[in-house]
N, C-alpha and C. Protein backbone atom coordinates (compact mmCIF):
# COMPACT_ATOMS: atom_id res chain seq x y z
N MET A 1 -4.49 13.38 -31.57
CA MET A 1 -2.84 13.47 -31.42
C MET A 1 -1.82 12.91 -32.31
N LEU A 2 -2.12 11.78 -32.94
CA LEU A 2 -1.15 11.28 -33.99
C LEU A 2 -1.17 12.45 -34.86
N ASN A 3 -2.04 13.20 -35.80
CA ASN A 3 -2.09 14.01 -36.61
C ASN A 3 -1.49 15.33 -36.61
N ILE A 4 -1.32 15.65 -34.90
CA ILE A 4 -0.36 16.68 -34.34
C ILE A 4 0.99 16.40 -34.43
N SER A 5 1.38 15.11 -33.94
CA SER A 5 2.85 15.20 -34.12
C SER A 5 3.24 14.69 -35.51
N LEU A 6 2.53 14.28 -36.24
CA LEU A 6 3.03 13.94 -37.87
C LEU A 6 3.29 15.24 -38.42
N GLN A 7 2.31 16.24 -38.14
CA GLN A 7 2.44 17.54 -38.95
C GLN A 7 3.46 18.25 -38.43
N LYS A 8 3.88 18.18 -37.27
CA LYS A 8 5.05 19.08 -36.46
C LYS A 8 6.36 18.08 -36.84
N SER A 9 6.20 17.23 -37.29
CA SER A 9 7.63 16.56 -37.70
C SER A 9 7.75 16.82 -39.44
N ASP A 10 6.63 16.66 -39.96
CA ASP A 10 6.83 17.08 -41.59
C ASP A 10 7.12 18.50 -41.53
N THR A 11 6.52 19.40 -40.70
CA THR A 11 7.04 20.96 -40.73
C THR A 11 8.10 20.90 -40.21
N ILE A 12 8.84 20.47 -39.39
CA ILE A 12 10.19 20.60 -38.96
C ILE A 12 10.95 20.28 -40.05
N GLY A 13 10.61 19.09 -40.49
CA GLY A 13 11.66 18.53 -41.66
C GLY A 13 11.43 19.04 -43.02
N ALA A 14 10.38 19.72 -43.21
CA ALA A 14 10.21 20.68 -44.49
C ALA A 14 11.44 21.93 -44.19
N LEU A 15 11.09 22.33 -43.48
CA LEU A 15 11.81 23.42 -42.75
C LEU A 15 13.11 23.43 -42.79
N SER A 16 13.87 22.30 -42.14
CA SER A 16 14.90 22.24 -41.78
C SER A 16 15.68 21.85 -43.38
N SER A 17 15.23 20.84 -43.99
CA SER A 17 15.44 20.82 -45.55
C SER A 17 15.70 21.81 -46.29
N GLY A 18 14.39 23.10 -46.16
CA GLY A 18 14.80 24.28 -47.11
C GLY A 18 15.80 25.08 -46.29
N LEU A 19 16.11 25.25 -45.03
CA LEU A 19 17.34 25.84 -44.51
C LEU A 19 18.35 25.54 -44.69
N CYS A 20 18.37 24.31 -44.91
CA CYS A 20 19.98 23.17 -45.32
C CYS A 20 20.32 23.57 -46.78
N MET A 21 19.06 23.80 -47.43
CA MET A 21 19.30 24.20 -49.07
C MET A 21 19.63 25.87 -48.75
N ILE A 22 19.28 26.65 -48.42
CA ILE A 22 19.81 28.21 -47.85
C ILE A 22 21.05 28.13 -47.35
N HIS A 23 21.16 27.22 -46.45
CA HIS A 23 22.82 27.50 -46.25
C HIS A 23 23.61 26.95 -47.21
N CYS A 24 23.44 25.94 -48.07
CA CYS A 24 24.44 25.36 -49.14
C CYS A 24 24.55 26.35 -50.44
N MET A 25 23.30 27.11 -50.79
CA MET A 25 23.32 28.20 -51.61
C MET A 25 24.05 29.29 -50.98
N ALA A 26 24.02 29.45 -49.89
CA ALA A 26 24.37 31.05 -49.36
C ALA A 26 25.80 30.98 -49.34
N THR A 27 26.50 29.88 -49.02
CA THR A 27 28.33 29.44 -48.85
C THR A 27 28.86 30.21 -49.65
N PRO A 28 28.57 30.02 -51.01
CA PRO A 28 29.63 30.64 -51.87
C PRO A 28 29.48 32.06 -52.04
N PHE A 29 28.28 32.62 -51.85
CA PHE A 29 28.18 34.11 -51.48
C PHE A 29 28.47 34.94 -50.51
N PHE A 30 28.19 33.86 -49.46
CA PHE A 30 28.64 34.51 -48.19
C PHE A 30 30.56 34.67 -48.18
N PHE A 31 31.15 34.00 -48.62
CA PHE A 31 32.67 33.97 -48.90
C PHE A 31 32.98 34.63 -50.08
N PHE A 32 32.11 34.91 -51.14
CA PHE A 32 32.79 35.56 -52.10
C PHE A 32 32.26 37.09 -52.17
N ALA A 33 31.55 37.41 -50.96
CA ALA A 33 31.26 39.10 -50.30
C ALA A 33 32.11 39.40 -49.60
N ALA A 34 32.88 38.37 -49.05
CA ALA A 34 33.65 39.11 -48.06
C ALA A 34 35.11 39.29 -48.93
N THR A 35 36.01 40.17 -48.04
CA THR A 35 36.95 40.36 -49.04
C THR A 35 37.98 39.73 -49.29
N CYS A 36 38.07 38.36 -49.25
CA CYS A 36 38.90 37.32 -49.36
C CYS A 36 40.28 37.58 -48.58
N SER A 37 39.92 38.01 -47.07
CA SER A 37 41.19 37.93 -46.39
C SER A 37 41.86 36.50 -46.58
N ALA A 38 43.31 36.41 -45.75
CA ALA A 38 43.70 35.19 -45.96
C ALA A 38 42.94 34.01 -45.15
N THR A 39 42.22 34.23 -44.08
CA THR A 39 41.49 33.37 -43.60
C THR A 39 40.11 32.94 -44.26
N CYS A 40 39.59 33.59 -44.87
CA CYS A 40 38.50 33.50 -45.85
C CYS A 40 38.39 32.72 -46.80
N CYS A 41 39.59 32.67 -47.39
CA CYS A 41 39.62 32.07 -48.65
C CYS A 41 40.08 30.53 -48.74
N THR A 42 40.70 30.47 -47.51
CA THR A 42 41.35 28.69 -47.04
C THR A 42 40.23 28.22 -46.51
N ALA A 43 39.31 28.22 -45.90
CA ALA A 43 38.66 27.65 -44.96
C ALA A 43 37.00 28.54 -44.59
N ALA A 44 36.28 27.79 -44.50
CA ALA A 44 34.79 27.99 -43.99
C ALA A 44 35.09 28.00 -42.35
N PRO A 45 34.16 29.05 -41.63
CA PRO A 45 34.37 29.14 -40.17
C PRO A 45 33.94 27.56 -39.60
N LEU A 46 34.23 27.41 -38.67
CA LEU A 46 33.85 26.10 -38.20
C LEU A 46 32.49 25.99 -37.68
N TRP A 47 31.86 27.03 -37.40
CA TRP A 47 30.54 26.92 -36.83
C TRP A 47 29.49 26.81 -38.34
N TRP A 48 30.11 27.31 -39.20
CA TRP A 48 29.52 27.27 -40.76
C TRP A 48 29.35 25.81 -41.14
N GLN A 49 30.65 25.13 -41.14
CA GLN A 49 30.95 23.72 -41.43
C GLN A 49 29.89 22.95 -40.88
N TRP A 50 29.38 22.84 -39.31
CA TRP A 50 28.98 22.41 -38.49
C TRP A 50 27.53 22.39 -38.64
N MET A 51 26.94 23.48 -39.47
CA MET A 51 25.36 23.78 -39.73
C MET A 51 24.98 22.29 -40.40
N ASP A 52 26.03 21.86 -41.50
CA ASP A 52 25.49 21.02 -42.31
C ASP A 52 25.09 19.78 -41.32
N TYR A 53 25.75 19.16 -40.16
CA TYR A 53 25.77 18.10 -39.58
C TYR A 53 24.52 18.54 -38.53
N PHE A 54 24.19 19.66 -38.46
CA PHE A 54 22.95 20.07 -37.35
C PHE A 54 21.86 20.01 -38.43
N PHE A 55 21.90 20.34 -39.28
CA PHE A 55 20.59 20.03 -40.43
C PHE A 55 20.39 18.70 -40.51
N LEU A 56 21.33 17.85 -41.10
CA LEU A 56 21.26 16.52 -40.96
C LEU A 56 20.68 15.76 -39.64
N LEU A 57 20.93 16.22 -38.52
CA LEU A 57 20.63 15.46 -37.44
C LEU A 57 19.12 15.84 -36.88
N VAL A 58 18.60 17.40 -37.52
CA VAL A 58 17.38 17.85 -37.46
C VAL A 58 16.56 17.13 -38.32
N SER A 59 16.89 16.86 -39.69
CA SER A 59 16.13 16.10 -40.81
C SER A 59 16.22 14.66 -40.47
N PHE A 60 16.94 14.09 -39.73
CA PHE A 60 16.86 12.84 -39.20
C PHE A 60 15.69 12.26 -38.18
N ALA A 61 15.74 13.55 -37.18
CA ALA A 61 14.75 13.01 -36.37
C ALA A 61 13.28 13.49 -36.74
N ALA A 62 13.24 14.34 -37.79
CA ALA A 62 12.01 14.64 -38.40
C ALA A 62 11.56 13.32 -39.44
N VAL A 63 12.38 12.95 -40.12
CA VAL A 63 12.19 11.91 -40.69
C VAL A 63 11.71 10.56 -40.02
N LYS A 64 12.40 10.19 -38.97
CA LYS A 64 12.13 9.20 -37.82
C LYS A 64 10.63 9.15 -37.28
N PHE A 65 10.40 10.56 -37.06
CA PHE A 65 8.92 10.70 -36.56
C PHE A 65 8.00 10.84 -37.36
N SER A 66 8.43 11.29 -38.66
CA SER A 66 7.16 10.90 -39.57
C SER A 66 7.04 9.68 -40.09
N THR A 67 7.91 8.76 -40.36
CA THR A 67 7.69 7.59 -40.57
C THR A 67 7.20 6.72 -39.69
N ASN A 68 7.54 6.98 -38.42
CA ASN A 68 6.64 6.43 -37.52
C ASN A 68 5.62 6.49 -37.47
N SER A 69 4.98 7.87 -37.75
CA SER A 69 3.62 8.05 -37.82
C SER A 69 2.89 7.96 -39.07
N ILE A 70 3.26 7.29 -39.82
CA ILE A 70 2.33 6.91 -41.26
C ILE A 70 2.66 5.63 -41.81
N ASN A 71 1.93 5.08 -42.46
CA ASN A 71 1.51 3.24 -42.87
C ASN A 71 1.94 3.71 -44.48
N ASN A 72 2.00 4.64 -45.28
CA ASN A 72 2.31 4.53 -46.37
C ASN A 72 3.63 4.00 -46.51
N LYS A 73 4.06 3.03 -46.97
CA LYS A 73 5.33 2.46 -47.53
C LYS A 73 6.18 3.24 -48.60
N LEU A 74 5.58 3.88 -49.51
CA LEU A 74 6.23 4.63 -50.45
C LEU A 74 6.57 5.81 -50.09
N ILE A 75 5.77 6.39 -49.17
CA ILE A 75 6.37 7.82 -48.43
C ILE A 75 7.57 7.35 -47.39
N ASN A 76 7.52 6.30 -46.83
CA ASN A 76 8.52 6.05 -45.95
C ASN A 76 9.81 5.61 -46.50
N TYR A 77 9.99 4.74 -47.51
CA TYR A 77 11.00 4.49 -48.47
C TYR A 77 11.25 5.81 -49.12
N GLY A 78 10.70 6.91 -49.49
CA GLY A 78 11.02 8.32 -50.23
C GLY A 78 11.70 8.94 -49.23
N LEU A 79 11.14 9.24 -48.16
CA LEU A 79 11.83 9.80 -46.97
C LEU A 79 13.11 9.37 -46.40
N TRP A 80 13.59 7.93 -46.29
CA TRP A 80 14.56 7.29 -45.79
C TRP A 80 15.64 7.24 -47.07
N THR A 81 14.98 7.24 -48.11
CA THR A 81 16.22 7.34 -49.27
C THR A 81 16.42 8.73 -49.62
N SER A 82 15.67 9.66 -49.43
CA SER A 82 16.18 11.02 -49.50
C SER A 82 17.30 11.51 -48.58
N TRP A 83 16.64 11.06 -47.17
CA TRP A 83 17.98 11.33 -45.97
C TRP A 83 19.12 10.76 -46.36
N ILE A 84 19.02 9.44 -46.95
CA ILE A 84 20.30 8.64 -46.93
C ILE A 84 21.02 9.49 -47.96
N GLY A 85 20.38 9.73 -49.29
CA GLY A 85 20.96 10.51 -50.28
C GLY A 85 21.74 11.78 -49.82
N LEU A 86 21.00 12.28 -49.28
CA LEU A 86 21.43 13.57 -48.75
C LEU A 86 22.74 13.54 -47.56
N LEU A 87 22.50 12.71 -46.63
CA LEU A 87 23.63 12.30 -46.03
C LEU A 87 24.94 11.94 -46.79
N PHE A 88 24.89 11.44 -47.56
CA PHE A 88 25.85 10.37 -48.63
C PHE A 88 26.45 11.57 -49.38
N LEU A 89 25.75 12.50 -49.67
CA LEU A 89 26.08 13.76 -50.66
C LEU A 89 26.75 14.78 -49.92
N VAL A 90 26.39 15.16 -48.69
CA VAL A 90 27.03 16.26 -48.03
C VAL A 90 28.43 15.58 -47.12
N LEU A 91 28.62 14.20 -46.90
CA LEU A 91 29.70 13.62 -46.57
C LEU A 91 30.67 13.46 -47.44
N ASN A 92 29.97 13.46 -48.86
CA ASN A 92 31.15 13.08 -50.15
C ASN A 92 31.52 14.56 -50.12
N VAL A 93 31.06 15.64 -50.15
CA VAL A 93 31.64 16.95 -50.23
C VAL A 93 32.72 17.65 -49.40
N LYS A 94 32.55 16.89 -48.16
CA LYS A 94 33.33 16.92 -46.75
C LYS A 94 34.82 15.85 -47.36
N PHE A 95 34.49 14.99 -47.37
CA PHE A 95 35.68 13.83 -47.67
C PHE A 95 35.78 13.45 -49.25
N LEU A 96 35.38 14.16 -49.93
CA LEU A 96 35.55 13.75 -51.60
C LEU A 96 36.15 12.12 -51.95
N TRP A 97 34.70 11.29 -51.65
CA TRP A 97 34.99 10.26 -51.81
C TRP A 97 34.91 9.83 -53.35
N PHE A 98 34.16 10.47 -54.12
CA PHE A 98 33.77 10.29 -55.37
C PHE A 98 33.72 11.83 -56.09
N ASN A 99 33.76 11.82 -57.12
CA ASN A 99 33.86 13.25 -57.97
C ASN A 99 32.36 13.14 -58.68
N ILE A 100 31.43 14.10 -57.67
CA ILE A 100 30.07 14.18 -57.71
C ILE A 100 29.97 15.67 -57.65
N PRO A 101 29.35 16.55 -58.50
CA PRO A 101 29.11 17.98 -58.33
C PRO A 101 28.44 17.98 -57.07
N GLU A 102 29.04 19.43 -56.37
CA GLU A 102 28.22 19.70 -54.89
C GLU A 102 26.83 20.06 -55.34
N ASN A 103 26.27 20.26 -56.30
CA ASN A 103 24.95 20.68 -56.42
C ASN A 103 23.88 19.66 -56.38
N THR A 104 24.83 18.28 -56.57
CA THR A 104 23.55 17.14 -56.51
C THR A 104 23.12 16.89 -55.27
N LYS A 105 23.57 17.39 -54.50
CA LYS A 105 22.73 17.52 -52.90
C LYS A 105 21.51 18.14 -52.80
N PHE A 106 21.21 18.56 -53.82
CA PHE A 106 20.15 19.65 -53.63
C PHE A 106 18.76 18.33 -54.17
N ILE A 107 19.04 17.48 -54.83
CA ILE A 107 18.20 16.62 -55.09
C ILE A 107 17.16 15.81 -53.80
N PRO A 108 18.53 15.48 -53.20
CA PRO A 108 17.49 14.89 -52.10
C PRO A 108 17.16 15.99 -51.17
N ALA A 109 17.59 16.99 -50.96
CA ALA A 109 16.92 17.87 -50.09
C ALA A 109 15.60 18.35 -50.69
N PHE A 110 15.36 18.67 -52.21
CA PHE A 110 14.45 18.96 -52.51
C PHE A 110 13.23 17.88 -52.24
N SER A 111 13.97 16.58 -52.46
CA SER A 111 12.67 15.37 -52.18
C SER A 111 12.31 14.95 -50.98
N LEU A 112 12.98 15.56 -50.00
CA LEU A 112 12.53 15.50 -48.29
C LEU A 112 11.77 16.71 -48.21
N ILE A 113 12.12 17.82 -48.73
CA ILE A 113 10.80 18.77 -48.66
C ILE A 113 9.79 18.23 -49.22
N GLY A 114 9.94 17.57 -50.43
CA GLY A 114 8.31 17.17 -51.39
C GLY A 114 7.66 16.21 -50.26
N PHE A 115 8.30 14.96 -49.81
CA PHE A 115 7.73 14.30 -49.02
C PHE A 115 7.06 14.55 -48.16
N HIS A 116 7.88 15.47 -47.38
CA HIS A 116 7.23 16.07 -46.27
C HIS A 116 6.06 16.92 -46.17
N LEU A 117 6.21 17.81 -47.29
CA LEU A 117 4.86 18.62 -47.60
C LEU A 117 3.60 17.57 -47.99
N TYR A 118 4.24 16.65 -49.03
CA TYR A 118 2.99 15.66 -49.40
C TYR A 118 2.33 15.11 -48.11
N ASN A 119 3.25 14.80 -46.76
CA ASN A 119 2.34 14.37 -45.62
C ASN A 119 1.87 14.93 -45.16
N ILE A 120 2.32 16.45 -45.07
CA ILE A 120 1.29 17.54 -44.35
C ILE A 120 0.05 17.57 -45.08
N TRP A 121 -0.21 17.71 -46.42
CA TRP A 121 -1.27 18.12 -47.25
C TRP A 121 -2.00 16.71 -47.33
N TYR A 122 -1.61 15.76 -47.65
CA TYR A 122 -2.57 14.41 -47.89
C TYR A 122 -2.50 13.45 -47.04
N CYS A 123 -1.86 13.48 -45.98
CA CYS A 123 -1.85 12.40 -44.71
C CYS A 123 -2.18 12.87 -43.44
N LYS A 124 -3.39 13.44 -43.53
CA LYS A 124 -4.15 14.04 -42.45
C LYS A 124 -5.45 13.18 -41.95
N CYS A 125 -4.78 12.23 -41.32
CA CYS A 125 -5.43 11.20 -40.58
C CYS A 125 -5.38 11.16 -38.99
N GLU A 126 -6.55 10.38 -38.29
CA GLU A 126 -6.66 10.36 -37.12
C GLU A 126 -6.16 8.94 -36.37
N SER A 127 -5.77 8.01 -37.38
CA SER A 127 -5.32 7.05 -37.06
C SER A 127 -3.95 6.48 -38.48
N LYS A 128 -3.55 5.51 -37.74
CA LYS A 128 -2.35 4.60 -38.67
C LYS A 128 -3.21 3.91 -39.76
N GLU A 129 -4.22 3.81 -39.94
CA GLU A 129 -5.19 2.88 -40.98
C GLU A 129 -5.06 3.81 -42.20
N CYS A 130 -5.32 5.01 -41.97
CA CYS A 130 -5.49 5.50 -43.46
C CYS A 130 -4.26 6.02 -44.20
N CYS A 131 -3.19 6.08 -43.79
CA CYS A 131 -2.23 6.79 -44.49
C CYS A 131 -0.83 6.26 -44.73
């Protein structure tokens, strides 16, 4: 039972982080491909902007469930550090606290995917004692 919930949360986490990256990479192409009408170039649609927060919430839940299901402190720290880094960088893009390149947010997103995939592949346990 523990193995099933761990794999589900890691799968959801990896998919959520991957979709988040696709969303972030598609944004410039989405607006460039539009004919640059008056509304296109001034602001992204509200639903598109809120997708960042949706992905952050889903990935938060996935990290929470994954870290509750494993005993490996390195993976726990890696998942939480990656998520907090992603949260900070997404919020920084929105509020411009620091002059950090936007593409930096892909580093914690790739890290989240990596840690979730590591859990799926190497932490296949029946109890909390083995992983």
